[in-house]
Amino acid sequence: MSCESCGMPVETGRYCAHCTDAEGNLQAFEERFERMVSWQARREPDASRERLEAETLDHMATLPAWRDHPRVVSRMAG
């Protein structure tokens, strides 16, 4: 099973510990987006912010938690 928010493996539930708050609720889109962009920036320090954001939105479009979010939908339509 994979986290519906980031795609990481999970054993139980819909979301991994990285994608939830202290109460187990899914983090807000902007918080999750920024964390995912930051993670990518650590992996690819020479990449532009614009590229990292675009790649993150492309990835989020494949995930059940975000594929219908307005920011993801507008990216895919544009």
Protein backbone atom coordinates (compact mmCIF):
# COMPACT_ATOMS: atom_id res chain seq x y z
CA MET A 1 0.00 0.00 0.00
CA SER A 2 1.15 3.54 -0.72
CA CYS A 3 0.47 6.86 0.99
CA GLU A 4 -2.26 8.67 -0.95
CA SER A 5 -0.47 11.96 -0.35
CA CYS A 6 3.17 11.27 -1.27
CA GLY A 7 3.39 7.72 -2.58
CA MET A 8 5.63 6.32 0.16
CA PRO A 9 4.87 2.79 1.38
CA VAL A 10 2.48 2.54 4.34
CA GLU A 11 1.38 -0.51 6.28
CA THR A 12 -1.94 0.85 7.50
CA GLY A 13 -4.15 3.84 6.78
CA ARG A 14 -4.28 6.20 3.84
CA TYR A 15 -1.38 8.50 4.74
CA CYS A 16 2.18 8.14 6.08
CA ALA A 17 3.49 9.90 9.18
CA HIS A 18 5.26 12.52 7.01
CA CYS A 19 1.95 13.69 5.52
CA THR A 20 -0.15 13.97 8.66
CA ASP A 21 -0.34 16.34 11.60
CA ALA A 22 -0.12 15.35 15.27
CA GLU A 23 -3.79 14.26 15.23
CA GLY A 24 -3.30 12.05 12.16
CA ASN A 25 -5.06 14.43 9.77
CA LEU A 26 -3.70 15.12 6.30
CA GLN A 27 -1.56 18.26 6.21
CA ALA A 28 -2.84 21.24 4.24
CA PHE A 29 -1.91 21.32 0.56
CA GLU A 30 0.54 24.23 0.86
CA GLU A 31 2.39 22.66 3.78
CA ARG A 32 2.66 19.29 2.01
CA PHE A 33 3.65 20.98 -1.27
CA GLU A 34 6.44 23.00 0.38
CA ARG A 35 7.77 19.94 2.18
CA MET A 36 7.80 17.92 -1.02
CA VAL A 37 9.57 20.72 -2.92
CA SER A 38 12.14 20.99 -0.11
CA TRP A 39 12.74 17.26 -0.20
CA GLN A 40 13.34 17.42 -3.95
CA ALA A 41 15.68 20.41 -3.49
CA ARG A 42 17.84 18.37 -1.12
CA ARG A 43 18.04 15.58 -3.70
CA GLU A 44 18.73 18.00 -6.58
CA PRO A 45 20.43 21.10 -5.14
CA ASP A 46 21.20 22.58 -8.57
CA ALA A 47 17.60 22.45 -9.81
CA SER A 48 15.65 25.69 -10.14
CA ARG A 49 12.73 26.35 -7.81
CA GLU A 50 10.47 26.59 -10.85
CA ARG A 51 11.48 23.11 -12.04
CA LEU A 52 11.12 21.61 -8.56
CA GLU A 53 7.63 23.08 -8.18
CA ALA A 54 6.57 21.84 -11.62
CA GLU A 55 7.87 18.33 -10.96
CA THR A 56 6.22 18.26 -7.54
CA LEU A 57 2.85 19.31 -8.99
CA ASP A 58 3.23 16.66 -11.72
CA HIS A 59 3.85 14.03 -9.04
CA MET A 60 0.98 15.27 -6.88
CA ALA A 61 -1.34 14.89 -9.89
CA THR A 62 -0.79 11.13 -9.70
CA LEU A 63 -1.82 10.89 -6.03
CA PRO A 64 -5.42 10.40 -4.82
CA ALA A 65 -5.11 13.02 -2.06
CA TRP A 66 -4.17 15.83 -4.45
CA ARG A 67 -5.16 15.04 -8.03
CA ASP A 68 -8.38 17.07 -7.71
CA HIS A 69 -6.83 20.00 -5.82
CA PRO A 70 -7.35 23.27 -7.75
CA ARG A 71 -3.64 24.06 -7.93
CA VAL A 72 -2.83 20.63 -9.37
CA VAL A 73 -5.79 20.73 -11.79
CA SER A 74 -4.83 24.19 -13.05
CA ARG A 75 -1.25 23.03 -13.66
CA MET A 76 -2.44 20.04 -15.64
CA ALA A 77 -4.89 22.17 -17.67
CA GLY A 78 -2.29 24.86 -18.42
